[in-house]
N, C-alpha and C. Protein backbone atom coordinates (compact mmCIF):
# COMPACT_ATOMS: atom_id res chain seq x y z
N MET A 1 -3.80 -39.87 -10.24
CA MET A 1 -3.24 -38.56 -10.65
C MET A 1 -2.63 -37.99 -9.23
N ALA A 2 -1.87 -37.33 -9.54
CA ALA A 2 -0.97 -36.55 -8.46
C ALA A 2 -1.63 -35.34 -8.00
N ASN A 3 -1.40 -34.83 -6.91
CA ASN A 3 -1.98 -33.32 -6.66
C ASN A 3 -0.75 -32.54 -6.72
N TYR A 4 -0.95 -31.35 -7.03
CA TYR A 4 0.06 -30.25 -7.04
C TYR A 4 -0.33 -28.81 -6.65
N VAL A 5 0.77 -28.24 -6.36
CA VAL A 5 0.40 -26.97 -5.77
C VAL A 5 1.14 -26.19 -6.89
N ILE A 6 0.27 -25.03 -7.16
CA ILE A 6 1.03 -24.17 -8.46
C ILE A 6 1.18 -22.88 -7.39
N THR A 7 2.20 -22.29 -7.72
CA THR A 7 2.04 -20.70 -7.41
C THR A 7 2.96 -20.16 -8.23
N TYR A 8 2.58 -18.52 -8.41
CA TYR A 8 3.07 -17.82 -9.51
C TYR A 8 3.14 -16.55 -8.78
N ASP A 9 4.13 -15.65 -9.73
CA ASP A 9 4.04 -14.36 -9.41
C ASP A 9 4.28 -13.75 -10.87
N LEU A 10 3.12 -12.93 -11.20
CA LEU A 10 2.90 -12.24 -12.70
C LEU A 10 3.72 -10.68 -12.49
N ASN A 11 4.74 -10.35 -13.07
CA ASN A 11 5.83 -9.32 -12.71
C ASN A 11 5.41 -8.52 -14.02
N GLY A 12 4.76 -8.88 -15.20
CA GLY A 12 4.96 -8.34 -16.40
C GLY A 12 3.50 -7.86 -16.87
N PRO A 13 2.99 -7.04 -18.29
CA PRO A 13 1.66 -6.47 -18.31
C PRO A 13 1.13 -7.94 -18.81
N ARG A 14 1.44 -9.03 -19.30
CA ARG A 14 0.66 -10.05 -19.18
C ARG A 14 1.47 -11.37 -19.09
N PRO A 15 1.00 -12.57 -18.68
CA PRO A 15 -0.59 -12.76 -18.53
C PRO A 15 -1.31 -11.96 -17.64
N SER A 16 -2.43 -11.28 -17.31
CA SER A 16 -3.35 -10.96 -16.46
C SER A 16 -3.74 -12.07 -15.78
N HIS A 17 -3.88 -11.53 -14.25
CA HIS A 17 -4.52 -12.88 -13.56
C HIS A 17 -5.53 -13.66 -13.97
N LYS A 18 -6.54 -12.85 -14.80
CA LYS A 18 -7.62 -13.78 -15.13
C LYS A 18 -7.29 -14.35 -16.45
N GLU A 19 -6.49 -13.88 -17.20
CA GLU A 19 -5.91 -15.01 -18.61
C GLU A 19 -5.06 -16.20 -17.65
N MET A 20 -4.53 -16.06 -16.39
CA MET A 20 -3.81 -16.91 -15.77
C MET A 20 -4.77 -17.86 -15.39
N ASP A 21 -5.80 -17.58 -14.57
CA ASP A 21 -6.97 -18.55 -14.44
C ASP A 21 -7.95 -19.21 -15.29
N ASP A 22 -7.69 -18.38 -16.36
CA ASP A 22 -8.34 -19.38 -17.93
C ASP A 22 -7.47 -20.37 -17.96
N HIS A 23 -6.16 -19.93 -17.91
CA HIS A 23 -5.13 -20.80 -18.41
C HIS A 23 -5.18 -22.12 -17.84
N LEU A 24 -5.09 -22.20 -16.18
CA LEU A 24 -5.15 -23.21 -15.75
C LEU A 24 -6.58 -23.82 -15.35
N ARG A 25 -7.88 -23.31 -15.74
CA ARG A 25 -9.03 -24.00 -16.07
C ARG A 25 -8.89 -24.95 -17.24
N LYS A 26 -8.13 -24.63 -18.08
CA LYS A 26 -8.00 -25.15 -19.63
C LYS A 26 -7.09 -26.36 -19.80
N LEU A 27 -6.26 -26.47 -18.72
CA LEU A 27 -5.19 -27.53 -18.39
C LEU A 27 -5.68 -28.43 -17.82
N VAL A 28 -6.63 -28.32 -16.72
CA VAL A 28 -6.81 -29.68 -16.13
C VAL A 28 -8.33 -29.11 -15.22
N ALA A 29 -8.93 -30.73 -15.39
CA ALA A 29 -10.27 -30.47 -14.93
C ALA A 29 -10.72 -30.07 -13.48
N ASN A 30 -9.85 -30.81 -12.28
CA ASN A 30 -9.77 -31.08 -11.19
C ASN A 30 -9.19 -29.89 -10.62
N ARG A 31 -9.42 -28.70 -10.26
CA ARG A 31 -8.61 -27.53 -9.69
C ARG A 31 -9.23 -26.60 -8.65
N GLY A 32 -8.52 -25.78 -7.98
CA GLY A 32 -9.03 -25.02 -7.31
C GLY A 32 -8.00 -23.96 -6.72
N ARG A 33 -8.39 -22.82 -6.61
CA ARG A 33 -7.47 -21.30 -6.31
C ARG A 33 -7.62 -21.74 -4.73
N VAL A 34 -6.12 -22.15 -4.08
CA VAL A 34 -6.11 -22.37 -2.79
C VAL A 34 -5.81 -20.73 -2.02
N LEU A 35 -5.23 -20.14 -2.39
CA LEU A 35 -4.73 -19.03 -1.80
C LEU A 35 -4.60 -17.82 -3.03
N GLU A 36 -4.42 -16.47 -3.16
CA GLU A 36 -4.73 -15.66 -4.59
C GLU A 36 -3.71 -16.13 -5.41
N THR A 37 -2.65 -16.60 -5.53
CA THR A 37 -1.85 -16.90 -6.51
C THR A 37 -1.31 -18.05 -6.24
N VAL A 38 -2.13 -19.30 -5.77
CA VAL A 38 -1.76 -20.43 -5.23
C VAL A 38 -3.11 -21.52 -5.75
N TRP A 39 -2.66 -22.27 -6.62
CA TRP A 39 -3.44 -23.25 -6.77
C TRP A 39 -3.31 -24.62 -6.81
N TRP A 40 -4.28 -25.50 -6.66
CA TRP A 40 -4.28 -26.88 -6.12
C TRP A 40 -4.74 -27.71 -7.50
N VAL A 41 -4.27 -28.51 -7.95
CA VAL A 41 -4.20 -29.26 -9.34
C VAL A 41 -4.29 -30.65 -9.21
N GLU A 42 -5.34 -31.65 -9.76
CA GLU A 42 -4.55 -32.82 -10.23
C GLU A 42 -4.44 -33.08 -11.46
N TYR A 43 -3.40 -33.69 -11.74
CA TYR A 43 -2.67 -33.96 -13.03
C TYR A 43 -2.48 -35.28 -13.29
N PRO A 44 -1.92 -35.68 -14.61
CA PRO A 44 -1.54 -37.02 -14.53
C PRO A 44 0.03 -37.22 -15.01
N GLY A 45 0.44 -36.20 -14.89
CA GLY A 45 1.56 -36.30 -15.60
C GLY A 45 3.12 -35.36 -14.09
N THR A 46 4.10 -35.69 -14.55
CA THR A 46 5.03 -35.14 -13.39
C THR A 46 5.18 -33.49 -13.19
N ALA A 47 5.56 -33.36 -12.14
CA ALA A 47 5.72 -31.76 -11.97
C ALA A 47 6.64 -30.97 -12.98
N ALA A 48 7.14 -31.48 -13.94
CA ALA A 48 7.93 -30.73 -14.95
C ALA A 48 7.08 -30.68 -16.12
N GLN A 49 6.26 -31.94 -16.44
CA GLN A 49 5.53 -31.49 -17.50
C GLN A 49 4.22 -30.79 -17.08
N LEU A 50 3.81 -30.88 -16.31
CA LEU A 50 3.07 -29.40 -15.66
C LEU A 50 3.45 -28.13 -15.66
N ARG A 51 4.64 -27.82 -15.24
CA ARG A 51 5.53 -26.63 -15.44
C ARG A 51 5.42 -26.27 -16.67
N ASP A 52 5.62 -27.22 -17.70
CA ASP A 52 6.14 -26.92 -19.00
C ASP A 52 4.59 -26.38 -19.49
N GLN A 53 3.59 -27.11 -18.98
CA GLN A 53 2.17 -26.67 -19.65
C GLN A 53 1.77 -25.41 -19.00
N VAL A 54 2.05 -25.22 -18.03
CA VAL A 54 1.63 -23.92 -17.49
C VAL A 54 2.63 -22.74 -17.85
N LYS A 55 3.83 -23.01 -18.13
CA LYS A 55 4.87 -21.43 -18.41
C LYS A 55 4.21 -21.03 -19.58
N THR A 56 3.84 -21.83 -20.69
CA THR A 56 3.31 -21.11 -22.41
C THR A 56 2.49 -20.13 -22.35
N ILE A 57 2.04 -19.35 -21.09
CA ILE A 57 1.56 -18.25 -21.11
C ILE A 57 2.39 -17.26 -20.42
N LEU A 58 3.56 -17.44 -19.31
CA LEU A 58 4.12 -16.54 -18.87
C LEU A 58 5.27 -15.83 -19.63
N GLY A 59 5.61 -14.76 -19.16
CA GLY A 59 6.15 -13.75 -19.69
C GLY A 59 7.56 -14.17 -19.21
N LYS A 60 8.94 -13.97 -19.86
CA LYS A 60 10.23 -14.24 -19.43
C LYS A 60 10.60 -13.60 -17.56
N GLU A 61 9.66 -12.74 -17.32
CA GLU A 61 9.99 -11.76 -15.87
C GLU A 61 9.05 -12.32 -14.91
N ASP A 62 8.27 -13.59 -15.45
CA ASP A 62 7.23 -14.12 -14.20
C ASP A 62 7.73 -15.26 -13.78
N LEU A 63 7.27 -15.20 -12.28
CA LEU A 63 8.04 -16.83 -11.48
C LEU A 63 6.57 -17.48 -11.44
N LEU A 64 7.29 -18.79 -11.23
CA LEU A 64 6.48 -20.25 -11.44
C LEU A 64 7.14 -21.43 -10.48
N LEU A 65 6.12 -21.98 -9.56
CA LEU A 65 6.78 -23.16 -8.94
C LEU A 65 5.59 -23.90 -8.92
N VAL A 66 5.96 -25.22 -9.23
CA VAL A 66 5.16 -26.45 -9.11
C VAL A 66 5.45 -27.60 -8.16
N ILE A 67 4.40 -28.11 -7.36
CA ILE A 67 5.12 -28.92 -6.07
C ILE A 67 4.28 -30.12 -6.37
N GLU A 68 4.81 -31.12 -6.55
CA GLU A 68 3.85 -32.33 -6.23
C GLU A 68 3.77 -32.59 -4.73
N ALA A 69 2.19 -32.43 -4.18
CA ALA A 69 1.66 -32.41 -2.88
C ALA A 69 1.57 -33.69 -2.41
N LYS A 70 2.03 -34.54 -1.65
CA LYS A 70 1.40 -35.92 -1.05
C LYS A 70 0.49 -35.95 0.00
N SER A 71 0.78 -34.77 1.03
CA SER A 71 -0.53 -34.62 2.15
C SER A 71 -0.50 -32.77 2.22
N ALA A 72 -1.83 -32.62 2.89
CA ALA A 72 -2.05 -31.16 3.30
C ALA A 72 -2.55 -30.94 4.47
N ALA A 73 -2.71 -29.90 4.99
CA ALA A 73 -3.44 -29.47 6.24
C ALA A 73 -3.75 -28.25 6.07
N TRP A 74 -4.81 -27.69 6.53
CA TRP A 74 -4.87 -26.24 6.49
C TRP A 74 -6.14 -26.03 7.40
N THR A 75 -6.41 -24.82 7.23
CA THR A 75 -7.62 -24.18 8.45
C THR A 75 -8.74 -23.46 7.51
N LYS A 76 -8.10 -22.67 6.43
CA LYS A 76 -9.40 -22.30 5.59
C LYS A 76 -8.82 -21.60 4.27
N LEU A 77 -9.59 -22.21 3.39
CA LEU A 77 -8.60 -21.87 1.95
C LEU A 77 -10.14 -21.48 0.95
N LEU A 78 -9.42 -20.85 -0.05
CA LEU A 78 -10.62 -20.49 -0.85
C LEU A 78 -11.36 -21.72 -1.73
N VAL A 79 -10.66 -22.96 -2.49
CA VAL A 79 -10.85 -23.81 -2.71
C VAL A 79 -11.97 -24.54 -1.86
N ASP A 80 -13.06 -25.41 -2.08
CA ASP A 80 -13.84 -26.40 -1.50
C ASP A 80 -13.07 -27.13 -0.73
N GLY A 81 -13.39 -27.06 0.53
CA GLY A 81 -12.78 -28.14 1.48
C GLY A 81 -12.79 -29.14 1.19
N PRO A 82 -14.28 -29.92 0.85
CA PRO A 82 -14.37 -31.39 0.88
C PRO A 82 -13.91 -31.99 -0.31
N VAL A 83 -13.89 -31.23 -1.52
CA VAL A 83 -13.04 -31.47 -2.83
C VAL A 83 -11.51 -31.71 -2.65
N PHE A 84 -11.07 -30.93 -2.10
CA PHE A 84 -9.60 -30.55 -1.70
C PHE A 84 -9.36 -31.99 -0.98
N LYS A 85 -10.07 -31.94 0.24
CA LYS A 85 -9.79 -33.40 0.97
C LYS A 85 -9.73 -34.51 0.15
N THR A 86 -11.02 -34.86 -0.32
CA THR A 86 -11.02 -35.81 -0.74
C THR A 86 -9.85 -36.20 -2.13
N ALA A 87 -9.46 -35.05 -2.66
CA ALA A 87 -8.16 -35.67 -3.44
C ALA A 87 -7.06 -35.86 -2.88
N PHE A 88 -6.73 -35.34 -1.72
CA PHE A 88 -5.72 -36.10 -1.21
C PHE A 88 -6.14 -37.49 -0.50
N GLU A 89 -7.23 -37.61 -0.24
CA GLU A 89 -7.49 -38.95 -0.02
C GLU A 89 -7.31 -39.83 -0.79
N ARG A 90 -7.82 -39.59 -1.89
CA ARG A 90 -7.59 -40.57 -2.96
C ARG A 90 -6.23 -41.00 -3.55
N ALA A 91 -5.16 -39.81 -3.25
CA ALA A 91 -3.97 -40.18 -4.04
C ALA A 91 -3.12 -40.79 -2.76
N ALA A 92 -3.68 -40.91 -1.56
CA ALA A 92 -2.80 -41.73 -0.61
C ALA A 92 -2.75 -43.18 -0.55
């Protein structure tokens, strides 16, 4: 499994932030909100495949960026630190 960072700007009336959260929860088992509209996920496919799964809920005015992450450093995050750290250790 690869680690990805997903970040987005919701600029239209839909989806709401809750709808986006629920969508990401349905797509991947291991994930966590890193910052307000930034998520870390473990995903078995490519960045393009993940993008295509995520964008199914987005409107044409919304923005999305998916980045494969090989390593990370942080101070304090919204996601559970040990779970996040373990995911990167497994990927190394």
